[in-house]
Amino acid sequence: MNNAQNIQIDNQETEKLIALAMKFKAQQKGKRPEFIQRYVNQKVSQMKDPSFSELLYQLELDAIKRDREGERASPIEKIDRVWEVLTYHDKKRRIQICFSTLKNKFYRTKKYVKPK
């Protein structure tokens, strides 16, 4: 009889855990690509022959556009080739990433996004 009670308690705990897991699963939407990944996807899809140097060139043009036309023209603030840092604005945050991170995002995009 003692074993039967333990099994019943375990079943109740299992049911609670399953119910909790189902609630958690409903909340999860999967990992969404961050802003800069989506931006790189967009830039690479517009290139005829995508390369990392071409991506940097396009991002530099966006930074110049931001300087001339204001913050709404482009989220890219600065490309620093000496320090190898990209500075961009994601909503209200100013974020800096190194070129190695940008390269990873570029090559990940290049695998899946078909150029023009």
PDB file of N, CA and C in Angstrom:
ATOM      1  N   MET A   1       0.820  -1.189   0.000  1.00  0.00           N
ATOM      2  CA  MET A   1       0.000   0.000   0.000  1.00  0.00           C
ATOM      3  C   MET A   1       0.868   1.258   0.000  1.00  0.00           C
ATOM      4  N   ASN A   2       1.969   1.217   0.676  1.00  0.00           N
ATOM      5  CA  ASN A   2       2.888   2.335   0.710  1.00  0.00           C
ATOM      6  C   ASN A   2       3.416   2.648  -0.687  1.00  0.00           C
ATOM      7  N   ASN A   3       3.745   1.608  -1.469  1.00  0.00           N
ATOM      8  CA  ASN A   3       4.223   1.805  -2.833  1.00  0.00           C
ATOM      9  C   ASN A   3       3.138   2.429  -3.714  1.00  0.00           C
ATOM     10  N   ALA A   4       1.901   2.068  -3.515  1.00  0.00           N
ATOM     11  CA  ALA A   4       0.790   2.619  -4.296  1.00  0.00           C
ATOM     12  C   ALA A   4       0.639   4.112  -4.036  1.00  0.00           C
ATOM     13  N   GLN A   5       0.832   4.536  -2.806  1.00  0.00           N
ATOM     14  CA  GLN A   5       0.747   5.954  -2.487  1.00  0.00           C
ATOM     15  C   GLN A   5       1.888   6.722  -3.142  1.00  0.00           C
ATOM     16  N   ASN A   6       3.077   6.153  -3.130  1.00  0.00           N
ATOM     17  CA  ASN A   6       4.223   6.803  -3.772  1.00  0.00           C
ATOM     18  C   ASN A   6       4.007   6.963  -5.280  1.00  0.00           C
ATOM     19  N   ILE A   7       3.446   5.946  -5.894  1.00  0.00           N
ATOM     20  CA  ILE A   7       3.179   6.008  -7.329  1.00  0.00           C
ATOM     21  C   ILE A   7       2.144   7.077  -7.616  1.00  0.00           C
ATOM     22  N   GLN A   8       1.117   7.169  -6.781  1.00  0.00           N
ATOM     23  CA  GLN A   8       0.082   8.168  -6.973  1.00  0.00           C
ATOM     24  C   GLN A   8       0.666   9.574  -6.812  1.00  0.00           C
ATOM     25  N   ILE A   9       1.506   9.774  -5.848  1.00  0.00           N
ATOM     26  CA  ILE A   9       2.145  11.079  -5.655  1.00  0.00           C
ATOM     27  C   ILE A   9       3.034  11.396  -6.853  1.00  0.00           C
ATOM     28  N   ASP A  10       3.785  10.425  -7.319  1.00  0.00           N
ATOM     29  CA  ASP A  10       4.643  10.645  -8.473  1.00  0.00           C
ATOM     30  C   ASP A  10       3.814  11.006  -9.705  1.00  0.00           C
ATOM     31  N   ASN A  11       2.674  10.357  -9.868  1.00  0.00           N
ATOM     32  CA  ASN A  11       1.808  10.673 -11.009  1.00  0.00           C
ATOM     33  C   ASN A  11       1.269  12.099 -10.905  1.00  0.00           C
ATOM     34  N   GLN A  12       0.924  12.517  -9.700  1.00  0.00           N
ATOM     35  CA  GLN A  12       0.426  13.878  -9.510  1.00  0.00           C
ATOM     36  C   GLN A  12       1.534  14.894  -9.806  1.00  0.00           C
ATOM     37  N   GLU A  13       2.732  14.613  -9.328  1.00  0.00           N
ATOM     38  CA  GLU A  13       3.858  15.503  -9.605  1.00  0.00           C
ATOM     39  C   GLU A  13       4.164  15.544 -11.095  1.00  0.00           C
ATOM     40  N   THR A  14       4.066  14.390 -11.721  1.00  0.00           N
ATOM     41  CA  THR A  14       4.313  14.329 -13.164  1.00  0.00           C
ATOM     42  C   THR A  14       3.282  15.158 -13.914  1.00  0.00           C
ATOM     43  N   GLU A  15       2.028  15.059 -13.508  1.00  0.00           N
ATOM     44  CA  GLU A  15       0.983  15.847 -14.159  1.00  0.00           C
ATOM     45  C   GLU A  15       1.229  17.342 -13.983  1.00  0.00           C
ATOM     46  N   LYS A  16       1.665  17.743 -12.794  1.00  0.00           N
ATOM     47  CA  LYS A  16       1.967  19.154 -12.549  1.00  0.00           C
ATOM     48  C   LYS A  16       3.136  19.611 -13.422  1.00  0.00           C
ATOM     49  N   LEU A  17       4.161  18.780 -13.510  1.00  0.00           N
ATOM     50  CA  LEU A  17       5.309  19.124 -14.342  1.00  0.00           C
ATOM     51  C   LEU A  17       4.932  19.224 -15.818  1.00  0.00           C
ATOM     52  N   ILE A  18       4.077  18.332 -16.262  1.00  0.00           N
ATOM     53  CA  ILE A  18       3.621  18.382 -17.659  1.00  0.00           C
ATOM     54  C   ILE A  18       2.820  19.653 -17.904  1.00  0.00           C
ATOM     55  N   ALA A  19       1.946  20.002 -16.971  1.00  0.00           N
ATOM     56  CA  ALA A  19       1.150  21.225 -17.112  1.00  0.00           C
ATOM     57  C   ALA A  19       2.066  22.455 -17.136  1.00  0.00           C
ATOM     58  N   LEU A  20       3.075  22.475 -16.295  1.00  0.00           N
ATOM     59  CA  LEU A  20       4.030  23.580 -16.264  1.00  0.00           C
ATOM     60  C   LEU A  20       4.813  23.650 -17.574  1.00  0.00           C
ATOM     61  N   ALA A  21       5.233  22.508 -18.073  1.00  0.00           N
ATOM     62  CA  ALA A  21       5.988  22.459 -19.332  1.00  0.00           C
ATOM     63  C   ALA A  21       5.133  22.954 -20.493  1.00  0.00           C
ATOM     64  N   MET A  22       3.867  22.619 -20.499  1.00  0.00           N
ATOM     65  CA  MET A  22       2.976  23.070 -21.573  1.00  0.00           C
ATOM     66  C   MET A  22       2.809  24.585 -21.535  1.00  0.00           C
ATOM     67  N   LYS A  23       2.715  25.165 -20.337  1.00  0.00           N
ATOM     68  CA  LYS A  23       2.632  26.626 -20.214  1.00  0.00           C
ATOM     69  C   LYS A  23       3.911  27.272 -20.714  1.00  0.00           C
ATOM     70  N   PHE A  24       5.043  26.694 -20.344  1.00  0.00           N
ATOM     71  CA  PHE A  24       6.331  27.221 -20.770  1.00  0.00           C
ATOM     72  C   PHE A  24       6.463  27.121 -22.294  1.00  0.00           C
ATOM     73  N   LYS A  25       6.069  26.014 -22.853  1.00  0.00           N
ATOM     74  CA  LYS A  25       6.154  25.805 -24.302  1.00  0.00           C
ATOM     75  C   LYS A  25       5.306  26.829 -25.050  1.00  0.00           C
ATOM     76  N   ALA A  26       4.161  27.163 -24.521  1.00  0.00           N
ATOM     77  CA  ALA A  26       3.283  28.140 -25.169  1.00  0.00           C
ATOM     78  C   ALA A  26       3.921  29.527 -25.209  1.00  0.00           C
ATOM     79  N   GLN A  27       4.773  29.826 -24.240  1.00  0.00           N
ATOM     80  CA  GLN A  27       5.420  31.137 -24.188  1.00  0.00           C
ATOM     81  C   GLN A  27       6.593  31.245 -25.161  1.00  0.00           C
ATOM     82  N   GLN A  28       7.208  30.138 -25.505  1.00  0.00           N
ATOM     83  CA  GLN A  28       8.407  30.159 -26.329  1.00  0.00           C
ATOM     84  C   GLN A  28       8.041  30.280 -27.801  1.00  0.00           C
ATOM     85  N   LYS A  29       8.616  31.254 -28.453  1.00  0.00           N
ATOM     86  CA  LYS A  29       8.351  31.472 -29.872  1.00  0.00           C
ATOM     87  C   LYS A  29       9.553  31.081 -30.721  1.00  0.00           C
ATOM     88  N   GLY A  30      10.608  30.642 -30.106  1.00  0.00           N
ATOM     89  CA  GLY A  30      11.833  30.358 -30.846  1.00  0.00           C
ATOM     90  C   GLY A  30      12.742  31.569 -30.817  1.00  0.00           C
ATOM     91  N   LYS A  31      13.995  31.366 -31.104  1.00  0.00           N
ATOM     92  CA  LYS A  31      14.941  32.473 -31.077  1.00  0.00           C
ATOM     93  C   LYS A  31      14.773  33.294 -32.349  1.00  0.00           C
ATOM     94  N   ARG A  32      14.519  34.552 -32.164  1.00  0.00           N
ATOM     95  CA  ARG A  32      14.358  35.447 -33.305  1.00  0.00           C
ATOM     96  C   ARG A  32      15.699  36.115 -33.592  1.00  0.00           C
ATOM     97  N   PRO A  33      15.976  36.353 -34.879  1.00  0.00           N
ATOM     98  CA  PRO A  33      17.236  37.029 -35.185  1.00  0.00           C
ATOM     99  C   PRO A  33      17.224  38.453 -34.652  1.00  0.00           C
ATOM    100  N   GLU A  34      18.336  38.876 -34.136  1.00  0.00           N
ATOM    101  CA  GLU A  34      18.418  40.220 -33.597  1.00  0.00           C
ATOM    102  C   GLU A  34      18.443  41.239 -34.732  1.00  0.00           C
ATOM    103  N   PHE A  35      18.376  42.496 -34.370  1.00  0.00           N
ATOM    104  CA  PHE A  35      18.262  43.577 -35.342  1.00  0.00           C
ATOM    105  C   PHE A  35      19.396  43.563 -36.361  1.00  0.00           C
ATOM    106  N   ILE A  36      20.636  43.482 -35.915  1.00  0.00           N
ATOM    107  CA  ILE A  36      21.761  43.590 -36.846  1.00  0.00           C
ATOM    108  C   ILE A  36      21.798  42.394 -37.793  1.00  0.00           C
ATOM    109  N   GLN A  37      21.355  41.231 -37.343  1.00  0.00           N
ATOM    110  CA  GLN A  37      21.295  40.063 -38.223  1.00  0.00           C
ATOM    111  C   GLN A  37      20.283  40.288 -39.343  1.00  0.00           C
ATOM    112  N   ARG A  38      19.130  40.829 -38.999  1.00  0.00           N
ATOM    113  CA  ARG A  38      18.128  41.131 -40.021  1.00  0.00           C
ATOM    114  C   ARG A  38      18.636  42.191 -40.998  1.00  0.00           C
ATOM    115  N   TYR A  39      19.362  43.173 -40.476  1.00  0.00           N
ATOM    116  CA  TYR A  39      19.899  44.247 -41.315  1.00  0.00           C
ATOM    117  C   TYR A  39      20.949  43.694 -42.278  1.00  0.00           C
ATOM    118  N   VAL A  40      21.810  42.813 -41.783  1.00  0.00           N
ATOM    119  CA  VAL A  40      22.810  42.172 -42.636  1.00  0.00           C
ATOM    120  C   VAL A  40      22.120  41.302 -43.684  1.00  0.00           C
ATOM    121  N   ASN A  41      21.086  40.579 -43.293  1.00  0.00           N
ATOM    122  CA  ASN A  41      20.312  39.780 -44.255  1.00  0.00           C
ATOM    123  C   ASN A  41      19.804  40.647 -45.400  1.00  0.00           C
ATOM    124  N   GLN A  42      19.267  41.797 -45.037  1.00  0.00           N
ATOM    125  CA  GLN A  42      18.724  42.713 -46.040  1.00  0.00           C
ATOM    126  C   GLN A  42      19.818  43.202 -46.980  1.00  0.00           C
ATOM    127  N   LYS A  43      20.955  43.598 -46.425  1.00  0.00           N
ATOM    128  CA  LYS A  43      22.055  44.113 -47.243  1.00  0.00           C
ATOM    129  C   LYS A  43      22.620  43.027 -48.163  1.00  0.00           C
ATOM    130  N   VAL A  44      22.804  41.832 -47.653  1.00  0.00           N
ATOM    131  CA  VAL A  44      23.370  40.743 -48.456  1.00  0.00           C
ATOM    132  C   VAL A  44      22.408  40.357 -49.574  1.00  0.00           C
ATOM    133  N   SER A  45      21.124  40.359 -49.300  1.00  0.00           N
ATOM    134  CA  SER A  45      20.159  39.993 -50.331  1.00  0.00           C
ATOM    135  C   SER A  45      20.126  41.018 -51.467  1.00  0.00           C
ATOM    136  N   GLN A  46      20.565  42.241 -51.216  1.00  0.00           N
ATOM    137  CA  GLN A  46      20.594  43.276 -52.244  1.00  0.00           C
ATOM    138  C   GLN A  46      21.885  43.252 -53.066  1.00  0.00           C
ATOM    139  N   MET A  47      22.891  42.512 -52.619  1.00  0.00           N
ATOM    140  CA  MET A  47      24.181  42.466 -53.320  1.00  0.00           C
ATOM    141  C   MET A  47      24.147  41.440 -54.442  1.00  0.00           C
ATOM    142  N   LYS A  48      24.858  41.755 -55.530  1.00  0.00           N
ATOM    143  CA  LYS A  48      24.966  40.803 -56.632  1.00  0.00           C
ATOM    144  C   LYS A  48      25.976  39.710 -56.305  1.00  0.00           C
ATOM    145  N   ASP A  49      27.134  40.105 -55.807  1.00  0.00           N
ATOM    146  CA  ASP A  49      28.185  39.161 -55.440  1.00  0.00           C
ATOM    147  C   ASP A  49      28.616  39.470 -54.006  1.00  0.00           C
ATOM    148  N   PRO A  50      27.953  38.880 -53.010  1.00  0.00           N
ATOM    149  CA  PRO A  50      28.221  39.266 -51.619  1.00  0.00           C
ATOM    150  C   PRO A  50      29.624  38.900 -51.152  1.00  0.00           C
ATOM    151  N   SER A  51      30.255  39.874 -50.523  1.00  0.00           N
ATOM    152  CA  SER A  51      31.542  39.655 -49.864  1.00  0.00           C
ATOM    153  C   SER A  51      31.559  40.515 -48.615  1.00  0.00           C
ATOM    154  N   PHE A  52      32.430  40.176 -47.686  1.00  0.00           N
ATOM    155  CA  PHE A  52      32.475  40.932 -46.436  1.00  0.00           C
ATOM    156  C   PHE A  52      32.930  42.366 -46.689  1.00  0.00           C
ATOM    157  N   SER A  53      33.892  42.553 -47.593  1.00  0.00           N
ATOM    158  CA  SER A  53      34.359  43.915 -47.900  1.00  0.00           C
ATOM    159  C   SER A  53      33.234  44.740 -48.532  1.00  0.00           C
ATOM    160  N   GLU A  54      32.412  44.105 -49.365  1.00  0.00           N
ATOM    161  CA  GLU A  54      31.266  44.805 -49.960  1.00  0.00           C
ATOM    162  C   GLU A  54      30.245  45.172 -48.876  1.00  0.00           C
ATOM    163  N   LEU A  55      30.051  44.283 -47.927  1.00  0.00           N
ATOM    164  CA  LEU A  55      29.144  44.578 -46.814  1.00  0.00           C
ATOM    165  C   LEU A  55      29.647  45.781 -46.025  1.00  0.00           C
ATOM    166  N   LEU A  56      30.940  45.817 -45.717  1.00  0.00           N
ATOM    167  CA  LEU A  56      31.501  46.965 -44.993  1.00  0.00           C
ATOM    168  C   LEU A  56      31.310  48.251 -45.783  1.00  0.00           C
ATOM    169  N   TYR A  57      31.530  48.171 -47.082  1.00  0.00           N
ATOM    170  CA  TYR A  57      31.338  49.341 -47.937  1.00  0.00           C
ATOM    171  C   TYR A  57      29.894  49.832 -47.866  1.00  0.00           C
ATOM    172  N   GLN A  58      28.937  48.916 -47.970  1.00  0.00           N
ATOM    173  CA  GLN A  58      27.524  49.291 -47.894  1.00  0.00           C
ATOM    174  C   GLN A  58      27.171  49.888 -46.531  1.00  0.00           C
ATOM    175  N   LEU A  59      27.733  49.322 -45.481  1.00  0.00           N
ATOM    176  CA  LEU A  59      27.474  49.851 -44.137  1.00  0.00           C
ATOM    177  C   LEU A  59      28.098  51.227 -43.954  1.00  0.00           C
ATOM    178  N   GLU A  60      29.273  51.453 -44.555  1.00  0.00           N
ATOM    179  CA  GLU A  60      29.880  52.786 -44.506  1.00  0.00           C
ATOM    180  C   GLU A  60      29.012  53.806 -45.230  1.00  0.00           C
ATOM    181  N   LEU A  61      28.438  53.415 -46.360  1.00  0.00           N
ATOM    182  CA  LEU A  61      27.520  54.306 -47.068  1.00  0.00           C
ATOM    183  C   LEU A  61      26.308  54.637 -46.203  1.00  0.00           C
ATOM    184  N   ASP A  62      25.822  53.656 -45.478  1.00  0.00           N
ATOM    185  CA  ASP A  62      24.690  53.900 -44.572  1.00  0.00           C
ATOM    186  C   ASP A  62      25.081  54.863 -43.449  1.00  0.00           C
ATOM    187  N   ALA A  63      26.302  54.736 -42.946  1.00  0.00           N
ATOM    188  CA  ALA A  63      26.774  55.649 -41.894  1.00  0.00           C
ATOM    189  C   ALA A  63      26.865  57.075 -42.426  1.00  0.00           C
ATOM    190  N   ILE A  64      27.343  57.226 -43.660  1.00  0.00           N
ATOM    191  CA  ILE A  64      27.412  58.559 -44.277  1.00  0.00           C
ATOM    192  C   ILE A  64      26.008  59.121 -44.467  1.00  0.00           C
ATOM    193  N   LYS A  65      25.103  58.263 -44.894  1.00  0.00           N
ATOM    194  CA  LYS A  65      23.704  58.681 -45.067  1.00  0.00           C
ATOM    195  C   LYS A  65      23.127  59.167 -43.741  1.00  0.00           C
ATOM    196  N   ARG A  66      23.465  58.481 -42.656  1.00  0.00           N
ATOM    197  CA  ARG A  66      22.992  58.883 -41.331  1.00  0.00           C
ATOM    198  C   ARG A  66      23.559  60.249 -40.953  1.00  0.00           C
ATOM    199  N   ASP A  67      24.847  60.490 -41.266  1.00  0.00           N
ATOM    200  CA  ASP A  67      25.469  61.783 -40.966  1.00  0.00           C
ATOM    201  C   ASP A  67      24.791  62.923 -41.718  1.00  0.00           C
ATOM    202  N   ARG A  68      24.460  62.683 -42.970  1.00  0.00           N
ATOM    203  CA  ARG A  68      23.884  63.742 -43.801  1.00  0.00           C
ATOM    204  C   ARG A  68      22.397  63.972 -43.532  1.00  0.00           C
ATOM    205  N   GLU A  69      21.646  62.888 -43.411  1.00  0.00           N
ATOM    206  CA  GLU A  69      20.190  63.011 -43.365  1.00  0.00           C
ATOM    207  C   GLU A  69      19.591  62.863 -41.971  1.00  0.00           C
ATOM    208  N   GLY A  70      20.386  62.453 -41.013  1.00  0.00           N
ATOM    209  CA  GLY A  70      19.871  62.333 -39.654  1.00  0.00           C
ATOM    210  C   GLY A  70      19.697  60.893 -39.212  1.00  0.00           C
ATOM    211  N   GLU A  71      19.307  60.728 -37.969  1.00  0.00           N
ATOM    212  CA  GLU A  71      19.222  59.416 -37.339  1.00  0.00           C
ATOM    213  C   GLU A  71      18.207  58.492 -37.998  1.00  0.00           C
ATOM    214  N   ARG A  72      17.157  59.031 -38.557  1.00  0.00           N
ATOM    215  CA  ARG A  72      16.118  58.187 -39.152  1.00  0.00           C
ATOM    216  C   ARG A  72      16.543  57.564 -40.478  1.00  0.00           C
ATOM    217  N   ALA A  73      17.591  58.110 -41.099  1.00  0.00           N
ATOM    218  CA  ALA A  73      18.023  57.625 -42.407  1.00  0.00           C
ATOM    219  C   ALA A  73      18.665  56.244 -42.327  1.00  0.00           C
ATOM    220  N   SER A  74      19.390  55.976 -41.247  1.00  0.00           N
ATOM    221  CA  SER A  74      20.091  54.694 -41.121  1.00  0.00           C
ATOM    222  C   SER A  74      20.406  54.411 -39.655  1.00  0.00           C
ATOM    223  N   PRO A  75      20.339  53.152 -39.251  1.00  0.00           N
ATOM    224  CA  PRO A  75      20.706  52.800 -37.876  1.00  0.00           C
ATOM    225  C   PRO A  75      22.223  52.678 -37.682  1.00  0.00           C
ATOM    226  N   ILE A  76      22.982  52.646 -38.782  1.00  0.00           N
ATOM    227  CA  ILE A  76      24.434  52.480 -38.693  1.00  0.00           C
ATOM    228  C   ILE A  76      25.068  53.837 -38.411  1.00  0.00           C
ATOM    229  N   GLU A  77      25.763  53.935 -37.288  1.00  0.00           N
ATOM    230  CA  GLU A  77      26.383  55.203 -36.904  1.00  0.00           C
ATOM    231  C   GLU A  77      27.810  55.312 -37.437  1.00  0.00           C
ATOM    232  N   LYS A  78      28.596  54.247 -37.277  1.00  0.00           N
ATOM    233  CA  LYS A  78      30.010  54.368 -37.615  1.00  0.00           C
ATOM    234  C   LYS A  78      30.621  53.003 -37.891  1.00  0.00           C
ATOM    235  N   ILE A  79      31.521  52.967 -38.869  1.00  0.00           N
ATOM    236  CA  ILE A  79      32.363  51.799 -39.135  1.00  0.00           C
ATOM    237  C   ILE A  79      33.789  52.244 -38.867  1.00  0.00           C
ATOM    238  N   ASP A  80      34.433  51.641 -37.900  1.00  0.00           N
ATOM    239  CA  ASP A  80      35.813  51.981 -37.569  1.00  0.00           C
ATOM    240  C   ASP A  80      36.709  50.832 -38.022  1.00  0.00           C
ATOM    241  N   ARG A  81      37.400  51.035 -39.148  1.00  0.00           N
ATOM    242  CA  ARG A  81      38.249  49.972 -39.700  1.00  0.00           C
ATOM    243  C   ARG A  81      39.537  49.788 -38.906  1.00  0.00           C
ATOM    244  N   VAL A  82      39.986  50.824 -38.227  1.00  0.00           N
ATOM    245  CA  VAL A  82      41.206  50.710 -37.424  1.00  0.00           C
ATOM    246  C   VAL A  82      40.957  49.797 -36.220  1.00  0.00           C
ATOM    247  N   TRP A  83      39.900  50.092 -35.469  1.00  0.00           N
ATOM    248  CA  TRP A  83      39.562  49.294 -34.284  1.00  0.00           C
ATOM    249  C   TRP A  83      38.680  48.102 -34.627  1.00  0.00           C
ATOM    250  N   GLU A  84      38.228  48.032 -35.882  1.00  0.00           N
ATOM    251  CA  GLU A  84      37.359  46.958 -36.359  1.00  0.00           C
ATOM    252  C   GLU A  84      36.092  46.835 -35.511  1.00  0.00           C
ATOM    253  N   VAL A  85      35.376  47.954 -35.463  1.00  0.00           N
ATOM    254  CA  VAL A  85      34.152  48.030 -34.660  1.00  0.00           C
ATOM    255  C   VAL A  85      33.040  48.672 -35.489  1.00  0.00           C
ATOM    256  N   LEU A  86      31.854  48.099 -35.394  1.00  0.00           N
ATOM    257  CA  LEU A  86      30.654  48.663 -35.998  1.00  0.00           C
ATOM    258  C   LEU A  86      29.795  49.217 -34.874  1.00  0.00           C
ATOM    259  N   THR A  87      29.356  50.464 -35.026  1.00  0.00           N
ATOM    260  CA  THR A  87      28.463  51.085 -34.045  1.00  0.00           C
ATOM    261  C   THR A  87      27.112  51.306 -34.708  1.00  0.00           C
ATOM    262  N   TYR A  88      26.064  50.802 -34.077  1.00  0.00           N
ATOM    263  CA  TYR A  88      24.717  50.970 -34.626  1.00  0.00           C
ATOM    264  C   TYR A  88      23.735  51.223 -33.495  1.00  0.00           C
ATOM    265  N   HIS A  89      22.531  51.650 -33.885  1.00  0.00           N
ATOM    266  CA  HIS A  89      21.488  51.950 -32.909  1.00  0.00           C
ATOM    267  C   HIS A  89      20.332  50.983 -33.110  1.00  0.00           C
ATOM    268  N   ASP A  90      19.980  50.301 -32.045  1.00  0.00           N
ATOM    269  CA  ASP A  90      18.852  49.371 -32.038  1.00  0.00           C
ATOM    270  C   ASP A  90      17.806  49.951 -31.104  1.00  0.00           C
ATOM    271  N   LYS A  91      16.774  50.528 -31.682  1.00  0.00           N
ATOM    272  CA  LYS A  91      15.740  51.240 -30.943  1.00  0.00           C
ATOM    273  C   LYS A  91      16.379  52.348 -30.123  1.00  0.00           C
ATOM    274  N   LYS A  92      16.472  52.198 -28.811  1.00  0.00           N
ATOM    275  CA  LYS A  92      17.021  53.275 -27.986  1.00  0.00           C
ATOM    276  C   LYS A  92      18.446  52.988 -27.504  1.00  0.00           C
ATOM    277  N   ARG A  93      18.996  51.865 -27.934  1.00  0.00           N
ATOM    278  CA  ARG A  93      20.331  51.497 -27.461  1.00  0.00           C
ATOM    279  C   ARG A  93      21.389  51.770 -28.526  1.00  0.00           C
ATOM    280  N   ARG A  94      22.569  52.122 -28.084  1.00  0.00           N
ATOM    281  CA  ARG A  94      23.730  52.275 -28.959  1.00  0.00           C
ATOM    282  C   ARG A  94      24.617  51.065 -28.706  1.00  0.00           C
ATOM    283  N   ILE A  95      24.866  50.291 -29.757  1.00  0.00           N
ATOM    284  CA  ILE A  95      25.572  49.024 -29.598  1.00  0.00           C
ATOM    285  C   ILE A  95      26.801  49.003 -30.490  1.00  0.00           C
ATOM    286  N   GLN A  96      27.885  48.450 -29.954  1.00  0.00           N
ATOM    287  CA  GLN A  96      29.102  48.267 -30.731  1.00  0.00           C
ATOM    288  C   GLN A  96      29.402  46.775 -30.811  1.00  0.00           C
ATOM    289  N   ILE A  97      29.706  46.312 -32.029  1.00  0.00           N
ATOM    290  CA  ILE A  97      30.129  44.925 -32.200  1.00  0.00           C
ATOM    291  C   ILE A  97      31.425  44.906 -32.998  1.00  0.00           C
ATOM    292  N   CYS A  98      32.234  43.900 -32.748  1.00  0.00           N
ATOM    293  CA  CYS A  98      33.508  43.792 -33.455  1.00  0.00           C
ATOM    294  C   CYS A  98      33.284  43.144 -34.817  1.00  0.00           C
ATOM    295  N   PHE A  99      34.259  43.303 -35.690  1.00  0.00           N
ATOM    296  CA  PHE A  99      34.132  42.773 -37.046  1.00  0.00           C
ATOM    297  C   PHE A  99      34.022  41.251 -37.057  1.00  0.00           C
ATOM    298  N   SER A 100      34.630  40.574 -36.095  1.00  0.00           N
ATOM    299  CA  SER A 100      34.541  39.109 -36.082  1.00  0.00           C
ATOM    300  C   SER A 100      33.091  38.661 -35.874  1.00  0.00           C
ATOM    301  N   THR A 101      32.352  39.354 -35.026  1.00  0.00           N
ATOM    302  CA  THR A 101      30.933  39.054 -34.827  1.00  0.00           C
ATOM    303  C   THR A 101      30.154  39.372 -36.096  1.00  0.00           C
ATOM    304  N   LEU A 102      30.490  40.495 -36.713  1.00  0.00           N
ATOM    305  CA  LEU A 102      29.832  40.876 -37.962  1.00  0.00           C
ATOM    306  C   LEU A 102      30.126  39.860 -39.068  1.00  0.00           C
ATOM    307  N   LYS A 103      31.360  39.359 -39.109  1.00  0.00           N
ATOM    308  CA  LYS A 103      31.720  38.334 -40.097  1.00  0.00           C
ATOM    309  C   LYS A 103      30.891  37.066 -39.879  1.00  0.00           C
ATOM    310  N   ASN A 104      30.740  36.664 -38.633  1.00  0.00           N
ATOM    311  CA  ASN A 104      29.924  35.484 -38.335  1.00  0.00           C
ATOM    312  C   ASN A 104      28.493  35.665 -38.837  1.00  0.00           C
ATOM    313  N   LYS A 105      27.934  36.842 -38.609  1.00  0.00           N
ATOM    314  CA  LYS A 105      26.577  37.118 -39.063  1.00  0.00           C
ATOM    315  C   LYS A 105      26.522  37.130 -40.590  1.00  0.00           C
ATOM    316  N   PHE A 106      27.555  37.685 -41.220  1.00  0.00           N
ATOM    317  CA  PHE A 106      27.603  37.737 -42.680  1.00  0.00           C
ATOM    318  C   PHE A 106      27.648  36.332 -43.273  1.00  0.00           C
ATOM    319  N   TYR A 107      28.546  35.486 -42.761  1.00  0.00           N
ATOM    320  CA  TYR A 107      28.672  34.146 -43.327  1.00  0.00           C
ATOM    321  C   TYR A 107      27.445  33.279 -43.040  1.00  0.00           C
ATOM    322  N   ARG A 108      26.813  33.482 -41.902  1.00  0.00           N
ATOM    323  CA  ARG A 108      25.573  32.777 -41.607  1.00  0.00           C
ATOM    324  C   ARG A 108      24.493  33.196 -42.596  1.00  0.00           C
ATOM    325  N   THR A 109      24.441  34.484 -42.891  1.00  0.00           N
ATOM    326  CA  THR A 109      23.470  35.005 -43.853  1.00  0.00           C
ATOM    327  C   THR A 109      23.778  34.511 -45.257  1.00  0.00           C
ATOM    328  N   LYS A 110      25.047  34.522 -45.601  1.00  0.00           N
ATOM    329  CA  LYS A 110      25.455  34.144 -46.955  1.00  0.00           C
ATOM    330  C   LYS A 110      25.044  32.700 -47.275  1.00  0.00           C
ATOM    331  N   LYS A 111      24.997  31.842 -46.259  1.00  0.00           N
ATOM    332  CA  LYS A 111      24.578  30.454 -46.468  1.00  0.00           C
ATOM    333  C   LYS A 111      23.118  30.347 -46.888  1.00  0.00           C
ATOM    334  N   TYR A 112      22.260  31.196 -46.318  1.00  0.00           N
ATOM    335  CA  TYR A 112      20.822  31.012 -46.460  1.00  0.00           C
ATOM    336  C   TYR A 112      20.123  32.043 -47.345  1.00  0.00           C
ATOM    337  N   VAL A 113      20.703  33.220 -47.491  1.00  0.00           N
ATOM    338  CA  VAL A 113      20.050  34.267 -48.271  1.00  0.00           C
ATOM    339  C   VAL A 113      20.622  34.252 -49.682  1.00  0.00           C
ATOM    340  N   LYS A 114      19.740  34.216 -50.665  1.00  0.00           N
ATOM    341  CA  LYS A 114      20.196  34.203 -52.050  1.00  0.00           C
ATOM    342  C   LYS A 114      20.351  35.636 -52.531  1.00  0.00           C
ATOM    343  N   PRO A 115      21.521  35.969 -53.076  1.00  0.00           N
ATOM    344  CA  PRO A 115      21.735  37.340 -53.571  1.00  0.00           C
ATOM    345  C   PRO A 115      20.932  37.626 -54.832  1.00  0.00           C
ATOM    346  N   LYS A 116      20.894  38.897 -55.199  1.00  0.00           N
ATOM    347  CA  LYS A 116      20.160  39.321 -56.386  1.00  0.00           C
ATOM    348  C   LYS A 116      20.683  38.675 -57.630  1.00  0.00           C
TER     349      LYS A 116
END
